């Protein structure tokens, strides 16, 4: 076999392997569809689902309460619910939503990312911050972790 023919065959093999590796990487990076359950940093339950096409987070539900970062005291526990969030680059998702407790409402933010079969992220009510001496600290901020079931 001539050197140029060997080079062409080697080039085709390398290109085929590269395309296959990209396909495997894309297949592995999409979060598995189905239900995920877990907990927040304040021991609250969190649940969500990933659509069959791996492009949406659906039915995200958790609760967020005062995290104690301002000192002693407390506050109401708000329910966070997001019907749909698109899964974007890096398997990330986010939404601005309304937190509710009885007739009280507050603007909340949910952010997260999938890594393998786990979802990790945070939930916060950015408008709620501590007064002095902890001025500016978010007192309604929790992280979460959920696993595919």
C-alpha atoms as a PDB file:
ATOM      1  CA  UNK A   1       0.000   0.000   0.000  1.00  0.00           C
ATOM      2  CA  UNK A   2       1.381   3.404  -0.937  1.00  0.00           C
ATOM      3  CA  UNK A   3       2.122   6.067   1.651  1.00  0.00           C
ATOM      4  CA  UNK A   4      -0.511   8.475   0.284  1.00  0.00           C
ATOM      5  CA  UNK A   5      -3.218   5.771   0.343  1.00  0.00           C
ATOM      6  CA  UNK A   6      -2.278   4.912   3.953  1.00  0.00           C
ATOM      7  CA  UNK A   7      -2.486   8.609   4.869  1.00  0.00           C
ATOM      8  CA  UNK A   8      -5.973   8.909   3.302  1.00  0.00           C
ATOM      9  CA  UNK A   9      -7.224   5.806   5.129  1.00  0.00           C
ATOM     10  CA  UNK A  10      -5.739   7.062   8.402  1.00  0.00           C
ATOM     11  CA  UNK A  11      -7.358  10.474   7.815  1.00  0.00           C
ATOM     12  CA  UNK A  12     -10.786   8.913   7.194  1.00  0.00           C
ATOM     13  CA  UNK A  13     -10.438   6.754  10.317  1.00  0.00           C
ATOM     14  CA  UNK A  14      -9.462   9.769  12.443  1.00  0.00           C
ATOM     15  CA  UNK A  15     -12.363  11.826  11.100  1.00  0.00           C
ATOM     16  CA  UNK A  16     -14.807   8.967  11.761  1.00  0.00           C
ATOM     17  CA  UNK A  17     -13.524   8.578  15.326  1.00  0.00           C
ATOM     18  CA  UNK A  18     -13.772  12.331  15.937  1.00  0.00           C
ATOM     19  CA  UNK A  19     -17.381  12.449  14.709  1.00  0.00           C
ATOM     20  CA  UNK A  20     -18.220   9.411  16.862  1.00  0.00           C
ATOM     21  CA  UNK A  21     -16.619  11.001  19.935  1.00  0.00           C
ATOM     22  CA  UNK A  22     -18.623  14.200  19.434  1.00  0.00           C
ATOM     23  CA  UNK A  23     -21.818  12.147  19.110  1.00  0.00           C
ATOM     24  CA  UNK A  24     -21.026  10.267  22.323  1.00  0.00           C
ATOM     25  CA  UNK A  25     -20.215  13.513  24.148  1.00  0.00           C
ATOM     26  CA  UNK A  26     -23.519  15.039  23.035  1.00  0.00           C
ATOM     27  CA  UNK A  27     -25.471  11.945  24.038  1.00  0.00           C
ATOM     28  CA  UNK A  28     -23.823  11.770  27.454  1.00  0.00           C
ATOM     29  CA  UNK A  29     -24.260  15.476  28.209  1.00  0.00           C
ATOM     30  CA  UNK A  30     -28.074  15.563  27.856  1.00  0.00           C
ATOM     31  CA  UNK A  31     -29.725  15.060  31.253  1.00  0.00           C
ATOM     32  CA  UNK A  32     -31.731  11.831  31.486  1.00  0.00           C
ATOM     33  CA  UNK A  33     -35.468  12.350  31.130  1.00  0.00           C
ATOM     34  CA  UNK A  34     -37.677  11.493  34.086  1.00  0.00           C
ATOM     35  CA  UNK A  35     -38.209  12.548  37.681  1.00  0.00           C
ATOM     36  CA  UNK A  36     -35.581  14.011  40.050  1.00  0.00           C
ATOM     37  CA  UNK A  37     -35.948  14.389  43.822  1.00  0.00           C
ATOM     38  CA  UNK A  38     -33.689  15.869  46.476  1.00  0.00           C
ATOM     39  CA  UNK A  39     -33.260  18.424  49.248  1.00  0.00           C
ATOM     40  CA  UNK A  40     -32.321  22.061  49.756  1.00  0.00           C
ATOM     41  CA  UNK A  41     -29.575  23.345  52.026  1.00  0.00           C
ATOM     42  CA  UNK A  42     -32.298  24.074  54.609  1.00  0.00           C
ATOM     43  CA  UNK A  43     -33.577  20.450  54.410  1.00  0.00           C
ATOM     44  CA  UNK A  44     -36.639  21.196  52.276  1.00  0.00           C
ATOM     45  CA  UNK A  45     -37.816  18.818  49.561  1.00  0.00           C
ATOM     46  CA  UNK A  46     -37.212  19.635  45.899  1.00  0.00           C
ATOM     47  CA  UNK A  47     -38.597  17.842  42.851  1.00  0.00           C
ATOM     48  CA  UNK A  48     -38.484  18.363  39.110  1.00  0.00           C
ATOM     49  CA  UNK A  49     -38.750  16.429  35.877  1.00  0.00           C
ATOM     50  CA  UNK A  50     -36.883  16.460  32.575  1.00  0.00           C
ATOM     51  CA  UNK A  51     -38.962  16.128  29.407  1.00  0.00           C
ATOM     52  CA  UNK A  52     -38.609  13.130  27.090  1.00  0.00           C
ATOM     53  CA  UNK A  53     -36.762  15.299  24.537  1.00  0.00           C
ATOM     54  CA  UNK A  54     -34.250  16.450  27.233  1.00  0.00           C
ATOM     55  CA  UNK A  55     -34.948  20.136  26.482  1.00  0.00           C
ATOM     56  CA  UNK A  56     -37.218  21.191  29.390  1.00  0.00           C
ATOM     57  CA  UNK A  57     -37.326  21.098  33.157  1.00  0.00           C
ATOM     58  CA  UNK A  58     -40.973  20.710  34.141  1.00  0.00           C
ATOM     59  CA  UNK A  59     -42.808  20.774  37.457  1.00  0.00           C
ATOM     60  CA  UNK A  60     -40.017  22.294  39.577  1.00  0.00           C
ATOM     61  CA  UNK A  61     -41.296  22.568  43.165  1.00  0.00           C
ATOM     62  CA  UNK A  62     -39.616  23.454  46.472  1.00  0.00           C
ATOM     63  CA  UNK A  63     -39.956  25.766  49.462  1.00  0.00           C
ATOM     64  CA  UNK A  64     -37.643  28.485  50.723  1.00  0.00           C
ATOM     65  CA  UNK A  65     -37.456  29.935  54.202  1.00  0.00           C
ATOM     66  CA  UNK A  66     -35.347  32.291  56.264  1.00  0.00           C
ATOM     67  CA  UNK A  67     -31.815  30.859  56.406  1.00  0.00           C
ATOM     68  CA  UNK A  68     -30.602  32.524  59.612  1.00  0.00           C
ATOM     69  CA  UNK A  69     -27.876  34.601  57.958  1.00  0.00           C
ATOM     70  CA  UNK A  70     -29.142  37.843  59.537  1.00  0.00           C
ATOM     71  CA  UNK A  71     -29.038  36.371  63.047  1.00  0.00           C
ATOM     72  CA  UNK A  72     -31.817  35.073  65.243  1.00  0.00           C
ATOM     73  CA  UNK A  73     -35.300  35.453  63.948  1.00  0.00           C
ATOM     74  CA  UNK A  74     -37.292  33.994  61.165  1.00  0.00           C
ATOM     75  CA  UNK A  75     -39.853  34.517  58.506  1.00  0.00           C
ATOM     76  CA  UNK A  76     -42.466  32.704  56.470  1.00  0.00           C
ATOM     77  CA  UNK A  77     -41.736  29.719  54.256  1.00  0.00           C
ATOM     78  CA  UNK A  78     -42.511  30.480  50.618  1.00  0.00           C
ATOM     79  CA  UNK A  79     -43.552  27.912  48.007  1.00  0.00           C
ATOM     80  CA  UNK A  80     -41.590  28.018  44.737  1.00  0.00           C
ATOM     81  CA  UNK A  81     -43.154  26.453  41.666  1.00  0.00           C
ATOM     82  CA  UNK A  82     -42.025  26.704  38.035  1.00  0.00           C
ATOM     83  CA  UNK A  83     -44.022  24.925  35.335  1.00  0.00           C
ATOM     84  CA  UNK A  84     -41.336  24.974  32.593  1.00  0.00           C
ATOM     85  CA  UNK A  85     -37.697  25.995  32.171  1.00  0.00           C
ATOM     86  CA  UNK A  86     -35.630  25.488  29.021  1.00  0.00           C
ATOM     87  CA  UNK A  87     -32.427  23.480  29.365  1.00  0.00           C
ATOM     88  CA  UNK A  88     -29.709  25.510  27.681  1.00  0.00           C
ATOM     89  CA  UNK A  89     -25.965  25.467  27.120  1.00  0.00           C
ATOM     90  CA  UNK A  90     -24.031  23.479  29.671  1.00  0.00           C
ATOM     91  CA  UNK A  91     -27.268  21.714  30.675  1.00  0.00           C
ATOM     92  CA  UNK A  92     -28.262  24.819  32.684  1.00  0.00           C
ATOM     93  CA  UNK A  93     -31.737  26.134  33.451  1.00  0.00           C
ATOM     94  CA  UNK A  94     -33.146  29.227  35.147  1.00  0.00           C
ATOM     95  CA  UNK A  95     -36.360  31.126  35.733  1.00  0.00           C
ATOM     96  CA  UNK A  96     -37.773  34.183  37.422  1.00  0.00           C
ATOM     97  CA  UNK A  97     -40.950  33.241  39.260  1.00  0.00           C
ATOM     98  CA  UNK A  98     -43.256  34.247  42.095  1.00  0.00           C
ATOM     99  CA  UNK A  99     -42.788  32.798  45.578  1.00  0.00           C
ATOM    100  CA  UNK A 100     -46.016  32.469  47.564  1.00  0.00           C
ATOM    101  CA  UNK A 101     -47.124  32.030  51.157  1.00  0.00           C
ATOM    102  CA  UNK A 102     -50.821  32.613  51.856  1.00  0.00           C
ATOM    103  CA  UNK A 103     -51.500  36.033  50.274  1.00  0.00           C
ATOM    104  CA  UNK A 104     -47.849  37.173  50.380  1.00  0.00           C
ATOM    105  CA  UNK A 105     -45.802  37.060  47.195  1.00  0.00           C
ATOM    106  CA  UNK A 106     -42.178  37.827  46.348  1.00  0.00           C
ATOM    107  CA  UNK A 107     -40.081  37.666  43.192  1.00  0.00           C
ATOM    108  CA  UNK A 108     -37.820  34.606  43.221  1.00  0.00           C
ATOM    109  CA  UNK A 109     -35.040  33.214  41.034  1.00  0.00           C
ATOM    110  CA  UNK A 110     -34.279  29.554  40.331  1.00  0.00           C
ATOM    111  CA  UNK A 111     -31.002  28.534  38.665  1.00  0.00           C
ATOM    112  CA  UNK A 112     -29.504  25.112  38.146  1.00  0.00           C
ATOM    113  CA  UNK A 113     -27.392  22.775  36.084  1.00  0.00           C
ATOM    114  CA  UNK A 114     -27.353  19.076  35.342  1.00  0.00           C
ATOM    115  CA  UNK A 115     -24.209  17.038  35.858  1.00  0.00           C
ATOM    116  CA  UNK A 116     -24.761  13.422  34.904  1.00  0.00           C
ATOM    117  CA  UNK A 117     -27.855  12.207  36.732  1.00  0.00           C
ATOM    118  CA  UNK A 118     -27.907  15.061  39.272  1.00  0.00           C
ATOM    119  CA  UNK A 119     -29.359  18.553  39.207  1.00  0.00           C
ATOM    120  CA  UNK A 120     -27.759  21.209  41.419  1.00  0.00           C
ATOM    121  CA  UNK A 121     -28.613  24.852  41.809  1.00  0.00           C
ATOM    122  CA  UNK A 122     -30.045  27.601  43.958  1.00  0.00           C
ATOM    123  CA  UNK A 123     -33.305  29.298  44.828  1.00  0.00           C
ATOM    124  CA  UNK A 124     -33.408  32.848  46.137  1.00  0.00           C
ATOM    125  CA  UNK A 125     -35.611  35.827  46.808  1.00  0.00           C
ATOM    126  CA  UNK A 126     -33.147  38.571  45.818  1.00  0.00           C
ATOM    127  CA  UNK A 127     -35.213  41.414  47.261  1.00  0.00           C
ATOM    128  CA  UNK A 128     -34.906  40.055  50.799  1.00  0.00           C
ATOM    129  CA  UNK A 129     -31.576  41.047  52.328  1.00  0.00           C
ATOM    130  CA  UNK A 130     -30.327  41.574  55.867  1.00  0.00           C
ATOM    131  CA  UNK A 131     -30.138  44.959  57.560  1.00  0.00           C
ATOM    132  CA  UNK A 132     -26.990  46.057  59.479  1.00  0.00           C
ATOM    133  CA  UNK A 133     -24.776  44.480  60.791  1.00  0.00           C
ATOM    134  CA  UNK A 134     -25.143  41.862  57.998  1.00  0.00           C
ATOM    135  CA  UNK A 135     -26.245  44.405  55.405  1.00  0.00           C
ATOM    136  CA  UNK A 136     -26.748  43.001  51.909  1.00  0.00           C
ATOM    137  CA  UNK A 137     -26.578  39.294  52.807  1.00  0.00           C
ATOM    138  CA  UNK A 138     -29.348  37.258  51.156  1.00  0.00           C
ATOM    139  CA  UNK A 139     -31.525  35.848  53.916  1.00  0.00           C
ATOM    140  CA  UNK A 140     -33.752  33.844  51.584  1.00  0.00           C
ATOM    141  CA  UNK A 141     -31.158  31.858  49.637  1.00  0.00           C
ATOM    142  CA  UNK A 142     -30.837  28.065  49.461  1.00  0.00           C
ATOM    143  CA  UNK A 143     -28.955  25.606  47.326  1.00  0.00           C
ATOM    144  CA  UNK A 144     -30.427  22.304  46.157  1.00  0.00           C
ATOM    145  CA  UNK A 145     -29.349  18.944  44.849  1.00  0.00           C
ATOM    146  CA  UNK A 146     -31.637  16.357  43.244  1.00  0.00           C
ATOM    147  CA  UNK A 147     -30.986  12.902  41.781  1.00  0.00           C
ATOM    148  CA  UNK A 148     -32.649  11.076  38.895  1.00  0.00           C
ATOM    149  CA  UNK A 149     -35.121   8.416  40.093  1.00  0.00           C
END
